[in-house]
PDB file of N, CA and C in Angstrom:
ATOM      1  N   MET A   1       0.892  -1.476  -0.560  1.00  0.00           N
ATOM      2  CA  MET A   1      -0.017   0.045  -0.458  1.00  0.00           C
ATOM      3  C   MET A   1       1.168   1.428   0.019  1.00  0.00           C
ATOM      4  N   LYS A   2       2.140   1.226   0.875  1.00  0.00           N
ATOM      5  CA  LYS A   2       3.002   2.153   0.834  1.00  0.00           C
ATOM      6  C   LYS A   2       3.408   2.634  -0.646  1.00  0.00           C
ATOM      7  N   TYR A   3       3.930   1.259  -0.971  1.00  0.00           N
ATOM      8  CA  TYR A   3       4.645   1.603  -2.271  1.00  0.00           C
ATOM      9  C   TYR A   3       3.793   1.741  -3.202  1.00  0.00           C
ATOM     10  N   LEU A   4       2.667   1.568  -3.395  1.00  0.00           N
ATOM     11  CA  LEU A   4       1.481   2.232  -4.457  1.00  0.00           C
ATOM     12  C   LEU A   4       1.358   3.676  -4.110  1.00  0.00           C
ATOM     13  N   PHE A   5       1.131   4.187  -2.933  1.00  0.00           N
ATOM     14  CA  PHE A   5       0.962   5.770  -2.497  1.00  0.00           C
ATOM     15  C   PHE A   5       2.301   6.548  -3.310  1.00  0.00           C
ATOM     16  N   ILE A   6       3.341   5.896  -3.044  1.00  0.00           N
ATOM     17  CA  ILE A   6       4.504   6.636  -3.164  1.00  0.00           C
ATOM     18  C   ILE A   6       4.796   6.882  -4.936  1.00  0.00           C
ATOM     19  N   CYS A   7       3.966   5.635  -5.295  1.00  0.00           N
ATOM     20  CA  CYS A   7       4.159   5.571  -7.188  1.00  0.00           C
ATOM     21  C   CYS A   7       3.149   6.750  -7.654  1.00  0.00           C
ATOM     22  N   TYR A   8       1.894   6.881  -6.726  1.00  0.00           N
ATOM     23  CA  TYR A   8       1.318   7.751  -7.315  1.00  0.00           C
ATOM     24  C   TYR A   8       1.696   9.171  -7.397  1.00  0.00           C
ATOM     25  N   LEU A   9       2.325   9.367  -5.510  1.00  0.00           N
ATOM     26  CA  LEU A   9       2.389  10.502  -5.275  1.00  0.00           C
ATOM     27  C   LEU A   9       3.597  11.019  -6.933  1.00  0.00           C
ATOM     28  N   LEU A  10       5.000  10.213  -7.259  1.00  0.00           N
ATOM     29  CA  LEU A  10       5.638  10.255  -7.777  1.00  0.00           C
ATOM     30  C   LEU A  10       5.129  10.569  -9.704  1.00  0.00           C
ATOM     31  N   LEU A  11       3.859   9.976  -9.981  1.00  0.00           N
ATOM     32  CA  LEU A  11       3.639  10.480 -10.947  1.00  0.00           C
ATOM     33  C   LEU A  11       3.222  11.358 -11.055  1.00  0.00           C
ATOM     34  N   GLY A  12       2.147  12.227 -10.418  1.00  0.00           N
ATOM     35  CA  GLY A  12       1.815  12.718 -10.132  1.00  0.00           C
ATOM     36  C   GLY A  12       2.732  14.279  -9.987  1.00  0.00           C
ATOM     37  N   MET A  13       3.655  14.196  -9.163  1.00  0.00           N
ATOM     38  CA  MET A  13       4.833  15.411  -9.827  1.00  0.00           C
ATOM     39  C   MET A  13       4.771  15.468 -11.237  1.00  0.00           C
ATOM     40  N   ILE A  14       5.127  14.070 -11.299  1.00  0.00           N
ATOM     41  CA  ILE A  14       5.942  14.626 -13.177  1.00  0.00           C
ATOM     42  C   ILE A  14       5.187  14.715 -13.786  1.00  0.00           C
ATOM     43  N   SER A  15       3.523  14.233 -13.534  1.00  0.00           N
ATOM     44  CA  SER A  15       3.100  15.088 -14.560  1.00  0.00           C
ATOM     45  C   SER A  15       2.961  16.850 -14.447  1.00  0.00           C
ATOM     46  N   PHE A  16       2.985  16.907 -13.149  1.00  0.00           N
ATOM     47  CA  PHE A  16       2.456  18.282 -13.280  1.00  0.00           C
ATOM     48  C   PHE A  16       3.931  19.594 -13.521  1.00  0.00           C
ATOM     49  N   THR A  17       4.707  18.803 -13.658  1.00  0.00           N
ATOM     50  CA  THR A  17       6.431  19.351 -13.580  1.00  0.00           C
ATOM     51  C   THR A  17       6.242  19.128 -15.568  1.00  0.00           C
ATOM     52  N   SER A  18       6.115  18.320 -15.715  1.00  0.00           N
ATOM     53  CA  SER A  18       6.007  18.163 -17.357  1.00  0.00           C
ATOM     54  C   SER A  18       5.631  19.614 -18.231  1.00  0.00           C
ATOM     55  N   LYS A  19       6.465  19.358 -19.213  1.00  0.00           N
ATOM     56  CA  LYS A  19       5.789  20.857 -19.610  1.00  0.00           C
ATOM     57  C   LYS A  19       5.917  20.275 -21.360  1.00  0.00           C
ATOM     58  N   ALA A  20       4.791  21.040 -22.120  1.00  0.00           N
ATOM     59  CA  ALA A  20       4.748  20.740 -23.234  1.00  0.00           C
ATOM     60  C   ALA A  20       5.816  19.931 -24.345  1.00  0.00           C
ATOM     61  N   GLN A  21       5.862  19.831 -25.533  1.00  0.00           N
ATOM     62  CA  GLN A  21       6.936  19.587 -25.919  1.00  0.00           C
ATOM     63  C   GLN A  21       7.066  20.913 -27.092  1.00  0.00           C
ATOM     64  N   THR A  22       8.014  21.603 -26.804  1.00  0.00           N
ATOM     65  CA  THR A  22       7.997  22.798 -27.646  1.00  0.00           C
ATOM     66  C   THR A  22       9.295  22.493 -29.124  1.00  0.00           C
ATOM     67  N   ILE A  23       9.324  22.903 -29.627  1.00  0.00           N
ATOM     68  CA  ILE A  23      10.132  22.349 -30.982  1.00  0.00           C
ATOM     69  C   ILE A  23      10.885  23.662 -31.312  1.00  0.00           C
ATOM     70  N   ASN A  24      11.912  22.858 -31.798  1.00  0.00           N
ATOM     71  CA  ASN A  24      13.561  23.858 -32.094  1.00  0.00           C
ATOM     72  C   ASN A  24      13.935  22.995 -32.756  1.00  0.00           C
ATOM     73  N   PRO A  25      13.397  24.754 -34.233  1.00  0.00           N
ATOM     74  CA  PRO A  25      14.192  23.670 -36.012  1.00  0.00           C
ATOM     75  C   PRO A  25      15.705  24.236 -35.790  1.00  0.00           C
ATOM     76  N   ASP A  26      16.613  22.825 -36.432  1.00  0.00           N
ATOM     77  CA  ASP A  26      17.516  23.430 -36.480  1.00  0.00           C
ATOM     78  C   ASP A  26      18.223  23.925 -37.470  1.00  0.00           C
ATOM     79  N   ILE A  27      19.271  24.731 -37.056  1.00  0.00           N
ATOM     80  CA  ILE A  27      19.624  25.853 -37.891  1.00  0.00           C
ATOM     81  C   ILE A  27      21.319  25.266 -38.806  1.00  0.00           C
ATOM     82  N   SER A  28      21.418  25.258 -39.461  1.00  0.00           N
ATOM     83  CA  SER A  28      23.055  24.808 -40.333  1.00  0.00           C
ATOM     84  C   SER A  28      24.082  26.059 -39.865  1.00  0.00           C
ATOM     85  N   ALA A  29      25.337  25.877 -39.622  1.00  0.00           N
ATOM     86  CA  ALA A  29      26.110  26.413 -39.768  1.00  0.00           C
ATOM     87  C   ALA A  29      26.821  27.533 -40.387  1.00  0.00           C
ATOM     88  N   ARG A  30      26.148  27.286 -41.629  1.00  0.00           N
ATOM     89  CA  ARG A  30      26.277  28.627 -42.844  1.00  0.00           C
ATOM     90  C   ARG A  30      25.268  29.545 -42.295  1.00  0.00           C
ATOM     91  N   VAL A  31      24.713  29.323 -41.657  1.00  0.00           N
ATOM     92  CA  VAL A  31      23.000  30.574 -41.372  1.00  0.00           C
ATOM     93  C   VAL A  31      24.103  31.385 -39.894  1.00  0.00           C
ATOM     94  N   ASP A  32      23.494  32.503 -40.202  1.00  0.00           N
ATOM     95  CA  ASP A  32      24.722  33.557 -39.464  1.00  0.00           C
ATOM     96  C   ASP A  32      23.597  33.981 -38.749  1.00  0.00           C
ATOM     97  N   THR A  33      23.393  33.220 -37.610  1.00  0.00           N
ATOM     98  CA  THR A  33      22.078  34.216 -36.609  1.00  0.00           C
ATOM     99  C   THR A  33      22.510  35.174 -35.508  1.00  0.00           C
ATOM    100  N   SER A  34      24.043  35.748 -35.550  1.00  0.00           N
ATOM    101  CA  SER A  34      24.252  37.184 -35.397  1.00  0.00           C
ATOM    102  C   SER A  34      23.407  38.388 -35.739  1.00  0.00           C
ATOM    103  N   LYS A  35      23.247  38.625 -37.357  1.00  0.00           N
ATOM    104  CA  LYS A  35      22.530  39.259 -38.014  1.00  0.00           C
ATOM    105  C   LYS A  35      20.868  39.642 -37.246  1.00  0.00           C
ATOM    106  N   VAL A  36      20.369  39.947 -37.341  1.00  0.00           N
ATOM    107  CA  VAL A  36      19.447  41.287 -36.603  1.00  0.00           C
ATOM    108  C   VAL A  36      18.295  39.998 -37.159  1.00  0.00           C
ATOM    109  N   VAL A  37      18.435  40.599 -38.641  1.00  0.00           N
ATOM    110  CA  VAL A  37      16.734  39.996 -39.864  1.00  0.00           C
ATOM    111  C   VAL A  37      16.716  38.096 -39.582  1.00  0.00           C
ATOM    112  N   VAL A  38      17.833  38.008 -39.315  1.00  0.00           N
ATOM    113  CA  VAL A  38      18.086  35.938 -40.095  1.00  0.00           C
ATOM    114  C   VAL A  38      16.805  35.932 -38.255  1.00  0.00           C
ATOM    115  N   LYS A  39      17.694  36.345 -37.460  1.00  0.00           N
ATOM    116  CA  LYS A  39      17.319  35.932 -35.890  1.00  0.00           C
ATOM    117  C   LYS A  39      16.015  36.067 -36.369  1.00  0.00           C
ATOM    118  N   ALA A  40      15.315  37.188 -36.040  1.00  0.00           N
ATOM    119  CA  ALA A  40      13.953  37.477 -36.264  1.00  0.00           C
ATOM    120  C   ALA A  40      13.265  36.862 -37.116  1.00  0.00           C
ATOM    121  N   VAL A  41      13.450  36.341 -38.154  1.00  0.00           N
ATOM    122  CA  VAL A  41      13.061  35.274 -39.336  1.00  0.00           C
ATOM    123  C   VAL A  41      12.672  34.032 -38.494  1.00  0.00           C
ATOM    124  N   TYR A  42      14.236  33.101 -38.047  1.00  0.00           N
ATOM    125  CA  TYR A  42      14.055  32.032 -36.978  1.00  0.00           C
ATOM    126  C   TYR A  42      13.325  32.448 -36.211  1.00  0.00           C
ATOM    127  N   GLN A  43      13.025  33.313 -35.038  1.00  0.00           N
ATOM    128  CA  GLN A  43      12.188  33.384 -34.063  1.00  0.00           C
ATOM    129  C   GLN A  43      10.996  33.415 -34.784  1.00  0.00           C
ATOM    130  N   LEU A  44      10.384  34.377 -35.773  1.00  0.00           N
ATOM    131  CA  LEU A  44       8.881  34.326 -35.665  1.00  0.00           C
ATOM    132  C   LEU A  44       8.828  32.661 -36.446  1.00  0.00           C
ATOM    133  N   TYR A  45       9.747  32.114 -37.496  1.00  0.00           N
ATOM    134  CA  TYR A  45       9.318  30.448 -37.633  1.00  0.00           C
ATOM    135  C   TYR A  45       9.252  29.648 -36.245  1.00  0.00           C
ATOM    136  N   LYS A  46       9.961  29.468 -35.535  1.00  0.00           N
ATOM    137  CA  LYS A  46      10.135  29.036 -34.335  1.00  0.00           C
ATOM    138  C   LYS A  46       8.770  29.464 -33.489  1.00  0.00           C
ATOM    139  N   ASN A  47       8.421  30.580 -33.417  1.00  0.00           N
ATOM    140  CA  ASN A  47       7.164  30.851 -32.954  1.00  0.00           C
ATOM    141  C   ASN A  47       5.663  30.358 -33.412  1.00  0.00           C
ATOM    142  N   TYR A  48       5.679  30.159 -35.031  1.00  0.00           N
ATOM    143  CA  TYR A  48       4.839  29.638 -35.762  1.00  0.00           C
ATOM    144  C   TYR A  48       4.762  28.419 -35.178  1.00  0.00           C
ATOM    145  N   LEU A  49       5.674  27.670 -35.441  1.00  0.00           N
ATOM    146  CA  LEU A  49       5.637  26.225 -35.186  1.00  0.00           C
ATOM    147  C   LEU A  49       4.695  25.750 -34.137  1.00  0.00           C
ATOM    148  N   ASN A  50       5.689  26.534 -32.791  1.00  0.00           N
ATOM    149  CA  ASN A  50       5.434  26.249 -31.827  1.00  0.00           C
ATOM    150  C   ASN A  50       3.084  26.773 -31.473  1.00  0.00           C
ATOM    151  N   SER A  51       3.012  27.567 -32.104  1.00  0.00           N
ATOM    152  CA  SER A  51       1.932  27.864 -31.415  1.00  0.00           C
ATOM    153  C   SER A  51       0.573  26.510 -32.301  1.00  0.00           C
ATOM    154  N   ARG A  52       0.745  25.782 -32.304  1.00  0.00           N
ATOM    155  CA  ARG A  52       0.018  24.340 -33.393  1.00  0.00           C
ATOM    156  C   ARG A  52      -0.567  25.317 -34.053  1.00  0.00           C
ATOM    157  N   PRO A  53      -0.286  25.603 -35.220  1.00  0.00           N
ATOM    158  CA  PRO A  53      -0.728  25.638 -36.707  1.00  0.00           C
ATOM    159  C   PRO A  53      -1.634  24.765 -37.126  1.00  0.00           C
ATOM    160  N   ASP A  54      -1.654  24.136 -36.957  1.00  0.00           N
ATOM    161  CA  ASP A  54      -3.312  22.915 -37.551  1.00  0.00           C
ATOM    162  C   ASP A  54      -4.596  23.010 -36.775  1.00  0.00           C
ATOM    163  N   SER A  55      -4.156  23.942 -35.624  1.00  0.00           N
ATOM    164  CA  SER A  55      -5.817  23.745 -34.352  1.00  0.00           C
ATOM    165  C   SER A  55      -6.167  24.684 -34.714  1.00  0.00           C
ATOM    166  N   ILE A  56      -7.331  24.411 -35.293  1.00  0.00           N
ATOM    167  CA  ILE A  56      -8.429  25.760 -35.383  1.00  0.00           C
ATOM    168  C   ILE A  56      -8.620  26.496 -34.100  1.00  0.00           C
ATOM    169  N   TYR A  57      -7.987  27.840 -33.725  1.00  0.00           N
ATOM    170  CA  TYR A  57      -8.233  28.506 -32.324  1.00  0.00           C
ATOM    171  C   TYR A  57      -7.856  30.110 -32.723  1.00  0.00           C
ATOM    172  N   LYS A  58      -7.679  30.655 -31.998  1.00  0.00           N
ATOM    173  CA  LYS A  58      -7.862  32.434 -32.097  1.00  0.00           C
ATOM    174  C   LYS A  58      -6.029  32.590 -32.000  1.00  0.00           C
ATOM    175  N   ASN A  59      -6.061  31.816 -33.461  1.00  0.00           N
ATOM    176  CA  ASN A  59      -3.851  31.860 -32.966  1.00  0.00           C
ATOM    177  C   ASN A  59      -3.330  32.982 -33.154  1.00  0.00           C
ATOM    178  N   PRO A  60      -1.749  33.718 -32.643  1.00  0.00           N
ATOM    179  CA  PRO A  60      -1.097  34.565 -32.184  1.00  0.00           C
ATOM    180  C   PRO A  60      -0.672  35.109 -33.459  1.00  0.00           C
ATOM    181  N   ASN A  61      -0.482  33.677 -34.419  1.00  0.00           N
ATOM    182  CA  ASN A  61      -0.081  34.269 -35.879  1.00  0.00           C
ATOM    183  C   ASN A  61      -0.783  34.624 -37.053  1.00  0.00           C
ATOM    184  N   TRP A  62      -2.537  34.811 -37.085  1.00  0.00           N
ATOM    185  CA  TRP A  62      -3.131  35.119 -37.594  1.00  0.00           C
ATOM    186  C   TRP A  62      -3.494  36.587 -37.732  1.00  0.00           C
ATOM    187  N   LYS A  63      -4.050  37.513 -38.750  1.00  0.00           N
ATOM    188  CA  LYS A  63      -3.983  38.680 -38.180  1.00  0.00           C
ATOM    189  C   LYS A  63      -5.452  38.600 -37.545  1.00  0.00           C
ATOM    190  N   GLU A  64      -5.933  39.738 -36.920  1.00  0.00           N
ATOM    191  CA  GLU A  64      -7.267  39.692 -36.571  1.00  0.00           C
ATOM    192  C   GLU A  64      -8.639  39.934 -37.627  1.00  0.00           C
ATOM    193  N   GLU A  65      -8.257  40.729 -37.861  1.00  0.00           N
ATOM    194  CA  GLU A  65      -9.305  40.778 -39.371  1.00  0.00           C
ATOM    195  C   GLU A  65     -10.089  39.117 -39.476  1.00  0.00           C
ATOM    196  N   GLU A  66      -9.134  38.818 -40.372  1.00  0.00           N
ATOM    197  CA  GLU A  66      -8.866  37.141 -40.635  1.00  0.00           C
ATOM    198  C   GLU A  66      -9.534  36.193 -39.496  1.00  0.00           C
ATOM    199  N   THR A  67      -8.902  36.708 -38.304  1.00  0.00           N
ATOM    200  CA  THR A  67      -9.789  35.497 -36.916  1.00  0.00           C
ATOM    201  C   THR A  67     -11.438  35.832 -37.005  1.00  0.00           C
ATOM    202  N   GLU A  68     -11.510  37.262 -37.029  1.00  0.00           N
ATOM    203  CA  GLU A  68     -12.728  37.291 -36.686  1.00  0.00           C
ATOM    204  C   GLU A  68     -14.012  36.649 -37.966  1.00  0.00           C
ATOM    205  N   TYR A  69     -12.975  37.151 -38.837  1.00  0.00           N
ATOM    206  CA  TYR A  69     -13.827  36.526 -40.303  1.00  0.00           C
ATOM    207  C   TYR A  69     -14.595  35.003 -41.064  1.00  0.00           C
ATOM    208  N   TYR A  70     -13.163  34.864 -40.276  1.00  0.00           N
ATOM    209  CA  TYR A  70     -13.283  32.862 -40.717  1.00  0.00           C
ATOM    210  C   TYR A  70     -13.866  32.165 -39.451  1.00  0.00           C
ATOM    211  N   LEU A  71     -13.093  32.498 -38.021  1.00  0.00           N
ATOM    212  CA  LEU A  71     -13.947  31.782 -37.034  1.00  0.00           C
ATOM    213  C   LEU A  71     -14.824  32.268 -36.452  1.00  0.00           C
ATOM    214  N   LYS A  72     -15.340  33.683 -35.927  1.00  0.00           N
ATOM    215  CA  LYS A  72     -16.255  34.182 -35.597  1.00  0.00           C
ATOM    216  C   LYS A  72     -18.032  33.727 -36.769  1.00  0.00           C
ATOM    217  N   SER A  73     -17.674  34.247 -37.955  1.00  0.00           N
ATOM    218  CA  SER A  73     -18.959  33.930 -39.143  1.00  0.00           C
ATOM    219  C   SER A  73     -19.063  32.317 -39.116  1.00  0.00           C
ATOM    220  N   LYS A  74     -19.336  31.836 -39.777  1.00  0.00           N
ATOM    221  CA  LYS A  74     -20.418  30.580 -40.243  1.00  0.00           C
ATOM    222  C   LYS A  74     -19.392  30.614 -41.614  1.00  0.00           C
ATOM    223  N   ILE A  75     -18.665  31.109 -42.321  1.00  0.00           N
ATOM    224  CA  ILE A  75     -18.004  31.087 -43.584  1.00  0.00           C
ATOM    225  C   ILE A  75     -17.451  29.848 -43.922  1.00  0.00           C
ATOM    226  N   LEU A  76     -16.313  29.057 -42.393  1.00  0.00           N
ATOM    227  CA  LEU A  76     -15.644  28.482 -42.662  1.00  0.00           C
ATOM    228  C   LEU A  76     -15.922  27.336 -41.800  1.00  0.00           C
ATOM    229  N   ARG A  77     -16.585  26.419 -43.006  1.00  0.00           N
ATOM    230  CA  ARG A  77     -16.931  24.960 -42.178  1.00  0.00           C
ATOM    231  C   ARG A  77     -15.695  24.394 -41.695  1.00  0.00           C
ATOM    232  N   VAL A  78     -15.834  23.740 -40.814  1.00  0.00           N
ATOM    233  CA  VAL A  78     -15.086  22.724 -40.297  1.00  0.00           C
ATOM    234  C   VAL A  78     -15.613  21.757 -39.217  1.00  0.00           C
ATOM    235  N   ASP A  79     -15.234  20.254 -39.690  1.00  0.00           N
ATOM    236  CA  ASP A  79     -15.599  19.687 -39.332  1.00  0.00           C
ATOM    237  C   ASP A  79     -15.124  19.328 -38.485  1.00  0.00           C
ATOM    238  N   ARG A  80     -14.739  19.444 -37.055  1.00  0.00           N
ATOM    239  CA  ARG A  80     -13.947  19.123 -35.352  1.00  0.00           C
ATOM    240  C   ARG A  80     -14.103  17.629 -35.388  1.00  0.00           C
ATOM    241  N   ALA A  81     -15.185  16.952 -35.680  1.00  0.00           N
ATOM    242  CA  ALA A  81     -15.350  15.396 -36.005  1.00  0.00           C
ATOM    243  C   ALA A  81     -14.747  14.262 -36.812  1.00  0.00           C
ATOM    244  N   ALA A  82     -14.073  14.932 -37.710  1.00  0.00           N
ATOM    245  CA  ALA A  82     -13.505  14.367 -38.656  1.00  0.00           C
ATOM    246  C   ALA A  82     -12.092  13.234 -38.073  1.00  0.00           C
ATOM    247  N   ASN A  83     -11.723  13.867 -37.369  1.00  0.00           N
ATOM    248  CA  ASN A  83     -10.953  12.122 -37.363  1.00  0.00           C
ATOM    249  C   ASN A  83     -10.909  11.617 -36.034  1.00  0.00           C
ATOM    250  N   LEU A  84     -12.357  12.191 -35.928  1.00  0.00           N
ATOM    251  CA  LEU A  84     -12.969  10.587 -35.219  1.00  0.00           C
ATOM    252  C   LEU A  84     -13.183   9.514 -35.867  1.00  0.00           C
ATOM    253  N   MET A  85     -13.380   9.782 -37.030  1.00  0.00           N
ATOM    254  CA  MET A  85     -14.548   9.019 -37.808  1.00  0.00           C
ATOM    255  C   MET A  85     -14.226   7.095 -37.297  1.00  0.00           C
ATOM    256  N   PHE A  86     -13.147   7.051 -37.791  1.00  0.00           N
ATOM    257  CA  PHE A  86     -12.744   5.523 -37.923  1.00  0.00           C
ATOM    258  C   PHE A  86     -11.764   5.107 -36.345  1.00  0.00           C
ATOM    259  N   ASN A  87     -12.961   6.073 -35.239  1.00  0.00           N
ATOM    260  CA  ASN A  87     -11.393   5.993 -34.170  1.00  0.00           C
ATOM    261  C   ASN A  87     -11.553   4.349 -33.780  1.00  0.00           C
ATOM    262  N   TYR A  88     -12.444   4.222 -33.797  1.00  0.00           N
ATOM    263  CA  TYR A  88     -13.141   3.182 -32.962  1.00  0.00           C
ATOM    264  C   TYR A  88     -13.260   1.312 -33.915  1.00  0.00           C
ATOM    265  N   TYR A  89     -12.996   1.690 -34.624  1.00  0.00           N
ATOM    266  CA  TYR A  89     -12.994   0.511 -36.368  1.00  0.00           C
ATOM    267  C   TYR A  89     -11.778   0.259 -36.929  1.00  0.00           C
ATOM    268  N   LYS A  90     -11.672  -1.024 -37.612  1.00  0.00           N
ATOM    269  CA  LYS A  90     -10.715  -0.891 -38.546  1.00  0.00           C
ATOM    270  C   LYS A  90     -10.693  -0.103 -39.719  1.00  0.00           C
ATOM    271  N   SER A  91     -10.032  -0.199 -40.254  1.00  0.00           N
ATOM    272  CA  SER A  91      -9.808   0.820 -40.910  1.00  0.00           C
ATOM    273  C   SER A  91      -9.841   0.039 -42.538  1.00  0.00           C
ATOM    274  N   ASN A  92      -9.931  -1.840 -42.620  1.00  0.00           N
ATOM    275  CA  ASN A  92      -9.677  -2.492 -43.687  1.00  0.00           C
ATOM    276  C   ASN A  92     -11.520  -2.728 -44.088  1.00  0.00           C
ATOM    277  N   GLN A  93     -12.156  -2.450 -43.450  1.00  0.00           N
ATOM    278  CA  GLN A  93     -13.654  -2.424 -42.645  1.00  0.00           C
ATOM    279  C   GLN A  93     -14.317  -1.463 -44.029  1.00  0.00           C
ATOM    280  N   TYR A  94     -13.576   0.123 -44.029  1.00  0.00           N
ATOM    281  CA  TYR A  94     -14.070   1.136 -44.673  1.00  0.00           C
ATOM    282  C   TYR A  94     -13.201   1.069 -46.120  1.00  0.00           C
ATOM    283  N   LEU A  95     -11.928   1.239 -45.965  1.00  0.00           N
ATOM    284  CA  LEU A  95     -10.719   1.963 -46.672  1.00  0.00           C
ATOM    285  C   LEU A  95     -10.480   0.578 -47.509  1.00  0.00           C
ATOM    286  N   GLY A  96      -9.884   0.516 -48.749  1.00  0.00           N
ATOM    287  CA  GLY A  96      -9.713  -0.567 -49.640  1.00  0.00           C
ATOM    288  C   GLY A  96      -7.830   0.152 -49.620  1.00  0.00           C
ATOM    289  N   TYR A  97      -7.441  -0.423 -49.411  1.00  0.00           N
ATOM    290  CA  TYR A  97      -6.092   0.046 -50.687  1.00  0.00           C
ATOM    291  C   TYR A  97      -5.728  -1.340 -51.689  1.00  0.00           C
TER     292      TYR A  97
END
């Protein structure tokens, strides 16, 4: 019982201290990041990748006008349940290869 409590305590501490995965793109040695413009482009690209560009939410890299136009109006019709369509089924039942 004591061992089980310690395991739960350790798992809880690990889950609270773990952070989300961040993406750090590799740069070639030929890229001079001491230049301000090059470093700014690299930081912009890195921030874009870490802002989950594949998710539908108010992304900080989007323009405010585009966010209001596409997300708040019903023009952009996105099926958020499409990735769950074949979740509990074998794919060979529905998809032929």
